[in-house]
Amino acid sequence: MQKYFLGIVPEGELQERVTNLKHEIRDRYQAKYALKSPAHITLKMPFRYNEAKEEKLTELLTRFIGTYKPMSVTIRGVKTFGERVIYLGVDAGQDLYDFQRDLKTFCKTELNLVDELSDRNFHPHMTIAFKDLKKSQFQNIVHFSSEKNLTQKLVVDHVILLKKAEGVWVLYKKFKLG
C-alpha cells in the first residue's frame, strides 16, 4: 500500500513564490513541515492505495477528471485555522466546490476510499506552515507572510496525483480537465 493525494498544484511563478515563502518561514522561524509537499490546494486528502493497481487508479482518474472544464481561483490573503495552520486563502467559484464534491463521491464509490471529515468540509486553501509551529512565533509568521502580499489568479486546467516517496510528496501524474 502506498500513500497518495489529489490536489491543484500551481506551476511557474506562483509555485516559486509560495515555495520561496515556505523556505523563508523555515529559515526565520524553523517551521519546515510545509516543505514536505509542493504548494497545493488539496482536493482529496491522503489515502492508501495498492501500488500494484496504480495503472487502474490513473485510468479511472483520467476518465473522471477529463469530464470537467477548467476553472479559475484566486489566491488571496493569509489566514489561519486556529493557532495550528497558516495558509493562503483561495477564492473559488461554485465549479470548484462542485468538482470536489463529485470527486469525493467518485473516490468513495469507484475507488472504495474512506470519506474523510475534511473531504466533507471542503475549505480550499494553500498551507504555508503547520505542525511544527511554535506558539510564540505564530503571529510573527502570520504577519511576515501577510507582508508578502501573495495574490494571484490561477486557471486550473489540471489536477495532480501526488505520491509519498521517502517522506515527501512528489508529483506523480497530471490529469487534464476538459
Protein backbone atom coordinates (compact mmCIF):
# COMPACT_ATOMS: atom_id res chain seq x y z
CA MET A 1 0.00 0.00 0.00
CA GLN A 2 1.20 3.47 -0.93
CA LYS A 3 0.03 6.95 0.13
CA TYR A 4 -1.41 9.38 -2.43
CA PHE A 5 -3.49 12.55 -2.52
CA LEU A 6 -5.11 14.69 -5.20
CA GLY A 7 -4.55 18.41 -5.47
CA ILE A 8 -4.30 21.52 -7.55
CA VAL A 9 -0.58 22.22 -7.86
CA PRO A 10 0.21 25.57 -9.48
CA GLU A 11 3.14 25.77 -11.84
CA GLY A 12 5.57 28.55 -12.65
CA GLU A 13 5.74 31.85 -10.79
CA LEU A 14 3.08 31.11 -8.17
CA GLN A 15 4.68 27.78 -7.22
CA GLU A 16 8.05 29.51 -7.00
CA ARG A 17 6.74 32.39 -4.86
CA VAL A 18 4.91 30.13 -2.40
CA THR A 19 7.88 27.74 -2.16
CA ASN A 20 10.20 30.70 -1.51
CA LEU A 21 7.84 31.88 1.24
CA LYS A 22 7.91 28.42 2.85
CA HIS A 23 11.74 28.48 2.70
CA GLU A 24 11.81 31.93 4.33
CA ILE A 25 9.47 30.70 7.09
CA ARG A 26 11.78 27.72 7.64
CA ASP A 27 14.88 29.93 7.77
CA ARG A 28 13.38 32.62 10.06
CA TYR A 29 11.05 30.59 12.28
CA GLN A 30 12.30 26.97 11.98
CA ALA A 31 8.89 25.79 10.70
CA LYS A 32 9.74 23.41 7.86
CA TYR A 33 7.00 20.78 7.78
CA ALA A 34 5.10 22.50 4.93
CA LEU A 35 8.14 21.94 2.70
CA LYS A 36 7.31 18.21 2.54
CA SER A 37 4.93 18.97 -0.33
CA PRO A 38 4.79 21.47 -3.18
CA ALA A 39 2.38 24.39 -2.84
CA HIS A 40 -1.08 22.95 -3.49
CA ILE A 41 -4.81 23.01 -2.81
CA THR A 42 -5.90 19.60 -1.52
CA LEU A 43 -8.90 18.09 -3.31
CA LYS A 44 -8.74 14.57 -1.80
CA MET A 45 -6.95 14.01 1.49
CA PRO A 46 -4.09 11.49 1.64
CA PHE A 47 -5.25 7.91 1.14
CA ARG A 48 -3.67 4.48 0.92
CA TYR A 49 -3.96 2.56 -2.35
CA ASN A 50 -2.46 -0.65 -3.66
CA GLU A 51 0.60 0.39 -5.64
CA ALA A 52 0.20 -2.66 -7.88
CA LYS A 53 -3.13 -1.19 -9.06
CA GLU A 54 -1.75 2.28 -9.88
CA GLU A 55 -2.47 1.88 -13.59
CA LYS A 56 -6.16 1.22 -12.87
CA LEU A 57 -6.22 4.19 -10.47
CA THR A 58 -4.80 6.54 -13.09
CA GLU A 59 -7.15 5.23 -15.81
CA LEU A 60 -10.21 5.87 -13.62
CA LEU A 61 -8.99 9.32 -12.59
CA THR A 62 -8.16 10.27 -16.20
CA ARG A 63 -11.71 9.43 -17.29
CA PHE A 64 -13.37 11.18 -14.35
CA ILE A 65 -11.28 14.37 -14.28
CA GLY A 66 -11.37 14.77 -18.07
CA THR A 67 -15.14 15.34 -17.97
CA TYR A 68 -14.76 18.65 -16.06
CA LYS A 69 -13.93 22.07 -17.50
CA PRO A 70 -11.03 24.25 -16.36
CA MET A 71 -11.89 26.73 -13.61
CA SER A 72 -10.42 29.84 -12.02
CA VAL A 73 -9.39 30.50 -8.45
CA THR A 74 -7.66 33.46 -6.82
CA ILE A 75 -5.01 33.06 -4.14
CA ARG A 76 -5.53 35.95 -1.74
CA GLY A 77 -4.60 36.78 1.84
CA VAL A 78 -3.08 34.92 4.76
CA LYS A 79 -5.47 33.12 7.09
CA THR A 80 -5.31 30.57 9.88
CA PHE A 81 -7.04 27.54 11.30
CA GLY A 82 -6.76 28.44 14.97
CA GLU A 83 -3.13 28.56 16.01
CA ARG A 84 -2.15 25.36 14.22
CA VAL A 85 -2.19 26.12 10.45
CA ILE A 86 -1.24 29.20 8.43
CA TYR A 87 -2.44 29.26 4.84
CA LEU A 88 -3.09 31.37 1.77
CA GLY A 89 -6.79 31.91 1.16
CA VAL A 90 -8.41 30.61 -2.02
CA ASP A 91 -11.35 32.45 -3.57
CA ALA A 92 -13.13 29.87 -5.72
CA GLY A 93 -16.35 29.66 -7.67
CA GLN A 94 -19.06 27.06 -7.25
CA ASP A 95 -17.44 24.99 -10.01
CA LEU A 96 -14.52 24.05 -7.73
CA TYR A 97 -16.87 23.10 -4.89
CA ASP A 98 -18.99 21.02 -7.28
CA PHE A 99 -15.89 19.29 -8.67
CA GLN A 100 -14.58 18.43 -5.20
CA ARG A 101 -17.99 17.12 -4.12
CA ASP A 102 -18.19 14.91 -7.22
CA LEU A 103 -14.55 13.79 -6.73
CA LYS A 104 -15.32 12.81 -3.14
CA THR A 105 -18.29 10.71 -4.32
CA PHE A 106 -16.21 9.17 -7.14
CA CYS A 107 -13.42 8.24 -4.72
CA LYS A 108 -15.88 6.59 -2.37
CA THR A 109 -17.87 4.66 -4.99
CA GLU A 110 -15.26 3.86 -7.67
CA LEU A 111 -12.05 3.66 -5.63
CA ASN A 112 -13.56 2.43 -2.34
CA LEU A 113 -11.85 5.20 -0.38
CA VAL A 114 -12.98 6.43 3.01
CA ASP A 115 -14.94 9.69 3.08
CA GLU A 116 -12.76 11.77 5.43
CA LEU A 117 -14.21 14.57 7.57
CA SER A 118 -12.06 17.10 5.68
CA ASP A 119 -13.45 15.76 2.38
CA ARG A 120 -16.96 16.56 3.63
CA ASN A 121 -15.98 20.02 4.91
CA PHE A 122 -14.03 21.26 1.88
CA HIS A 123 -12.31 24.58 2.53
CA PRO A 124 -9.89 25.31 -0.33
CA HIS A 125 -6.60 26.72 0.95
CA MET A 126 -2.84 26.59 0.36
CA THR A 127 -0.96 25.69 3.54
CA ILE A 128 2.32 27.54 4.14
CA ALA A 129 3.07 26.46 7.74
CA PHE A 130 1.71 23.80 10.11
CA LYS A 131 2.61 21.00 12.58
CA ASP A 132 5.99 22.33 13.72
CA LEU A 133 4.83 25.88 14.50
CA LYS A 134 5.89 27.38 17.82
CA LYS A 135 3.00 29.20 19.52
CA SER A 136 5.36 32.06 20.40
CA GLN A 137 6.14 32.60 16.69
CA PHE A 138 2.66 32.03 15.26
CA GLN A 139 1.57 35.68 14.95
CA ASN A 140 5.02 36.70 13.70
CA ILE A 141 4.73 34.16 10.87
CA VAL A 142 1.21 35.38 10.02
CA HIS A 143 2.43 38.99 9.90
CA PHE A 144 5.57 38.11 7.91
CA SER A 145 3.56 36.09 5.39
CA SER A 146 0.91 38.80 5.03
CA GLU A 147 3.59 41.34 4.10
CA LYS A 148 4.46 39.22 1.04
CA ASN A 149 1.06 40.08 -0.46
CA LEU A 150 0.78 36.84 -2.44
CA THR A 151 -2.28 37.48 -4.59
CA GLN A 152 -2.66 35.75 -7.92
CA LYS A 153 -5.37 34.45 -10.19
CA LEU A 154 -4.89 30.85 -11.26
CA VAL A 155 -6.53 28.98 -14.12
CA VAL A 156 -6.94 25.38 -13.00
CA ASP A 157 -6.66 23.15 -16.07
CA HIS A 158 -5.28 20.01 -14.42
CA VAL A 159 -5.26 18.04 -11.19
CA ILE A 160 -2.19 16.25 -9.82
CA LEU A 161 -1.94 12.87 -8.13
CA LEU A 162 0.86 13.15 -5.59
CA LYS A 163 2.66 10.15 -4.13
CA LYS A 164 4.66 9.90 -0.93
CA ALA A 165 8.28 8.93 -1.52
CA GLU A 166 10.94 8.91 1.20
CA GLY A 167 8.89 11.16 3.48
CA VAL A 168 7.97 13.86 0.94
CA TRP A 169 5.14 14.29 -1.54
CA VAL A 170 6.16 14.18 -5.21
CA LEU A 171 4.18 14.94 -8.35
CA TYR A 172 3.20 11.58 -9.78
CA LYS A 173 0.59 12.05 -12.53
CA LYS A 174 -1.12 15.04 -14.15
CA PHE A 175 -4.77 14.80 -15.23
CA LYS A 176 -6.10 17.39 -17.68
CA LEU A 177 -9.50 18.98 -17.13
CA GLY A 178 -11.75 19.26 -20.17
